[in-house]
Amino acid sequence: MLSRLQKYALAAFVLLMSADLVISSYGVLFFPAFIEANALFARFVAYPLEFIAVVGVTKLLAIAGIIAATIWFNRRERAGTPWHGGDIICSTAAVGMGVMMLVLVVGNLFLV
């Protein structure tokens, strides 16, 4: 159902999403000056457990959506074709989340 590339990319994506949730949860729980960059989630910072729940559910929905889209493309396209939709979705999700985490780490450690 999923190719090897897709499994690795999805594993990396889930790992990075989990790391982002852990970092945000730690920040909202232990740092009173914590600021959420995402305007959609920033209003929940005053309520730490609600913030963690909203961000966690949103991340789970994003992961489920990426997996569902990958499976949908895998059923409609032949494996091994160039620019396979499932490969593009998984790779883009993993690389995009990796870049966002890199910006988060560099921004918080070196620019603040």
C-alpha atoms as a PDB file:
ATOM      1  CA  MET A   1       0.000   0.000   0.000  1.00  0.00           C
ATOM      2  CA  LEU A   2       2.860   2.428   0.837  1.00  0.00           C
ATOM      3  CA  SER A   3       6.260   2.383  -0.826  1.00  0.00           C
ATOM      4  CA  ARG A   4       9.500   2.363   1.148  1.00  0.00           C
ATOM      5  CA  LEU A   5      10.103   6.061   0.380  1.00  0.00           C
ATOM      6  CA  GLN A   6       6.599   6.913   1.551  1.00  0.00           C
ATOM      7  CA  LYS A   7       7.002   4.963   4.793  1.00  0.00           C
ATOM      8  CA  TYR A   8      10.275   6.715   5.613  1.00  0.00           C
ATOM      9  CA  ALA A   9       8.923  10.132   4.665  1.00  0.00           C
ATOM     10  CA  LEU A  10       5.766   9.593   6.736  1.00  0.00           C
ATOM     11  CA  ALA A  11       7.827   8.374   9.690  1.00  0.00           C
ATOM     12  CA  ALA A  12       9.994  11.489   9.478  1.00  0.00           C
ATOM     13  CA  PHE A  13       6.905  13.683   9.171  1.00  0.00           C
ATOM     14  CA  VAL A  14       5.231  12.097  12.212  1.00  0.00           C
ATOM     15  CA  LEU A  15       8.456  12.351  14.223  1.00  0.00           C
ATOM     16  CA  LEU A  16       8.884  16.042  13.362  1.00  0.00           C
ATOM     17  CA  MET A  17       5.225  16.812  14.084  1.00  0.00           C
ATOM     18  CA  SER A  18       5.545  15.064  17.449  1.00  0.00           C
ATOM     19  CA  ALA A  19       8.718  16.977  18.263  1.00  0.00           C
ATOM     20  CA  ASP A  20       6.969  20.241  17.428  1.00  0.00           C
ATOM     21  CA  LEU A  21       4.069  19.334  19.718  1.00  0.00           C
ATOM     22  CA  VAL A  22       6.448  18.422  22.557  1.00  0.00           C
ATOM     23  CA  ILE A  23       8.395  21.677  22.168  1.00  0.00           C
ATOM     24  CA  SER A  24       5.224  23.767  22.087  1.00  0.00           C
ATOM     25  CA  SER A  25       3.748  21.885  25.058  1.00  0.00           C
ATOM     26  CA  TYR A  26       6.918  22.375  27.078  1.00  0.00           C
ATOM     27  CA  GLY A  27       6.962  26.063  26.228  1.00  0.00           C
ATOM     28  CA  VAL A  28       3.339  26.728  27.116  1.00  0.00           C
ATOM     29  CA  LEU A  29       3.601  24.786  30.382  1.00  0.00           C
ATOM     30  CA  PHE A  30       6.934  26.041  31.736  1.00  0.00           C
ATOM     31  CA  PHE A  31       7.613  29.456  30.189  1.00  0.00           C
ATOM     32  CA  PRO A  32       5.207  32.271  31.125  1.00  0.00           C
ATOM     33  CA  ALA A  33       6.526  34.428  28.271  1.00  0.00           C
ATOM     34  CA  PHE A  34       5.807  31.696  25.675  1.00  0.00           C
ATOM     35  CA  ILE A  35       4.461  33.103  22.420  1.00  0.00           C
ATOM     36  CA  GLU A  36       2.825  30.975  19.742  1.00  0.00           C
ATOM     37  CA  ALA A  37       3.692  32.164  16.232  1.00  0.00           C
ATOM     38  CA  ASN A  38       0.580  30.651  14.643  1.00  0.00           C
ATOM     39  CA  ALA A  39      -2.257  33.149  15.004  1.00  0.00           C
ATOM     40  CA  LEU A  40      -4.859  30.374  14.956  1.00  0.00           C
ATOM     41  CA  PHE A  41      -3.390  28.761  18.066  1.00  0.00           C
ATOM     42  CA  ALA A  42      -2.114  31.870  19.845  1.00  0.00           C
ATOM     43  CA  ARG A  43      -5.467  32.563  21.489  1.00  0.00           C
ATOM     44  CA  PHE A  44      -5.257  29.256  23.384  1.00  0.00           C
ATOM     45  CA  VAL A  45      -1.896  30.003  25.054  1.00  0.00           C
ATOM     46  CA  ALA A  46      -3.641  31.352  28.169  1.00  0.00           C
ATOM     47  CA  TYR A  47      -5.137  27.873  28.682  1.00  0.00           C
ATOM     48  CA  PRO A  48      -2.206  25.422  28.435  1.00  0.00           C
ATOM     49  CA  LEU A  49      -4.131  22.139  28.420  1.00  0.00           C
ATOM     50  CA  GLU A  50      -6.608  23.442  25.869  1.00  0.00           C
ATOM     51  CA  PHE A  51      -3.685  24.694  23.764  1.00  0.00           C
ATOM     52  CA  ILE A  52      -2.012  21.274  23.847  1.00  0.00           C
ATOM     53  CA  ALA A  53      -5.269  19.525  22.976  1.00  0.00           C
ATOM     54  CA  VAL A  54      -6.081  21.849  20.062  1.00  0.00           C
ATOM     55  CA  VAL A  55      -2.573  21.682  18.613  1.00  0.00           C
ATOM     56  CA  GLY A  56      -2.381  17.907  19.140  1.00  0.00           C
ATOM     57  CA  VAL A  57      -5.722  17.204  17.458  1.00  0.00           C
ATOM     58  CA  THR A  58      -4.830  19.516  14.575  1.00  0.00           C
ATOM     59  CA  LYS A  59      -1.516  17.723  14.073  1.00  0.00           C
ATOM     60  CA  LEU A  60      -3.263  14.328  14.155  1.00  0.00           C
ATOM     61  CA  LEU A  61      -5.736  15.522  11.531  1.00  0.00           C
ATOM     62  CA  ALA A  62      -2.882  16.770   9.338  1.00  0.00           C
ATOM     63  CA  ILE A  63      -1.078  13.423   9.639  1.00  0.00           C
ATOM     64  CA  ALA A  64      -4.277  11.522   8.823  1.00  0.00           C
ATOM     65  CA  GLY A  65      -4.885  13.787   5.823  1.00  0.00           C
ATOM     66  CA  ILE A  66      -1.388  13.222   4.442  1.00  0.00           C
ATOM     67  CA  ILE A  67      -1.761   9.454   4.846  1.00  0.00           C
ATOM     68  CA  ALA A  68      -5.232   9.471   3.251  1.00  0.00           C
ATOM     69  CA  ALA A  69      -4.029  11.561   0.289  1.00  0.00           C
ATOM     70  CA  THR A  70      -1.036   9.268  -0.196  1.00  0.00           C
ATOM     71  CA  ILE A  71      -3.208   6.157  -0.217  1.00  0.00           C
ATOM     72  CA  TRP A  72      -5.641   7.841  -2.617  1.00  0.00           C
ATOM     73  CA  PHE A  73      -2.821   8.647  -5.066  1.00  0.00           C
ATOM     74  CA  ASN A  74      -1.322   5.163  -4.693  1.00  0.00           C
ATOM     75  CA  ARG A  75      -4.616   3.593  -5.774  1.00  0.00           C
ATOM     76  CA  ARG A  76      -4.977   5.823  -8.837  1.00  0.00           C
ATOM     77  CA  GLU A  77      -1.404   5.920 -10.165  1.00  0.00           C
ATOM     78  CA  ARG A  78       0.994   3.172 -11.138  1.00  0.00           C
ATOM     79  CA  ALA A  79       3.998   2.749  -8.873  1.00  0.00           C
ATOM     80  CA  GLY A  80       7.296   3.823 -10.355  1.00  0.00           C
ATOM     81  CA  THR A  81       5.865   6.535 -12.568  1.00  0.00           C
ATOM     82  CA  PRO A  82       7.757   9.831 -12.506  1.00  0.00           C
ATOM     83  CA  TRP A  83       6.210  12.473 -10.289  1.00  0.00           C
ATOM     84  CA  HIS A  84       4.092   9.928  -8.430  1.00  0.00           C
ATOM     85  CA  GLY A  85       1.529  11.828  -6.347  1.00  0.00           C
ATOM     86  CA  GLY A  86       1.978   9.747  -3.180  1.00  0.00           C
ATOM     87  CA  ASP A  87       5.742  10.224  -3.249  1.00  0.00           C
ATOM     88  CA  ILE A  88       5.381  13.964  -3.822  1.00  0.00           C
ATOM     89  CA  ILE A  89       2.928  14.405  -0.958  1.00  0.00           C
ATOM     90  CA  CYS A  90       4.989  12.403   1.544  1.00  0.00           C
ATOM     91  CA  SER A  91       8.299  13.941   0.542  1.00  0.00           C
ATOM     92  CA  THR A  92       6.932  17.481   0.558  1.00  0.00           C
ATOM     93  CA  ALA A  93       5.322  16.976   3.970  1.00  0.00           C
ATOM     94  CA  ALA A  94       8.532  15.600   5.492  1.00  0.00           C
ATOM     95  CA  VAL A  95      10.857  18.180   3.926  1.00  0.00           C
ATOM     96  CA  GLY A  96       8.463  21.046   4.667  1.00  0.00           C
ATOM     97  CA  MET A  97       8.131  20.065   8.311  1.00  0.00           C
ATOM     98  CA  GLY A  98      11.894  19.600   8.539  1.00  0.00           C
ATOM     99  CA  VAL A  99      12.500  23.113   7.220  1.00  0.00           C
ATOM    100  CA  MET A 100       9.923  24.553   9.623  1.00  0.00           C
ATOM    101  CA  MET A 101      11.580  22.808  12.560  1.00  0.00           C
ATOM    102  CA  LEU A 102      14.995  24.074  11.424  1.00  0.00           C
ATOM    103  CA  VAL A 103      13.659  27.636  11.295  1.00  0.00           C
ATOM    104  CA  LEU A 104      12.070  27.166  14.723  1.00  0.00           C
ATOM    105  CA  VAL A 105      15.310  25.922  16.277  1.00  0.00           C
ATOM    106  CA  VAL A 106      17.555  28.476  14.579  1.00  0.00           C
ATOM    107  CA  GLY A 107      15.155  31.301  15.332  1.00  0.00           C
ATOM    108  CA  ASN A 108      14.799  30.438  18.992  1.00  0.00           C
ATOM    109  CA  LEU A 109      18.402  29.552  19.737  1.00  0.00           C
ATOM    110  CA  PHE A 110      20.322  32.076  17.714  1.00  0.00           C
ATOM    111  CA  LEU A 111      18.070  35.025  16.945  1.00  0.00           C
ATOM    112  CA  VAL A 112      16.278  35.565  20.260  1.00  0.00           C
END
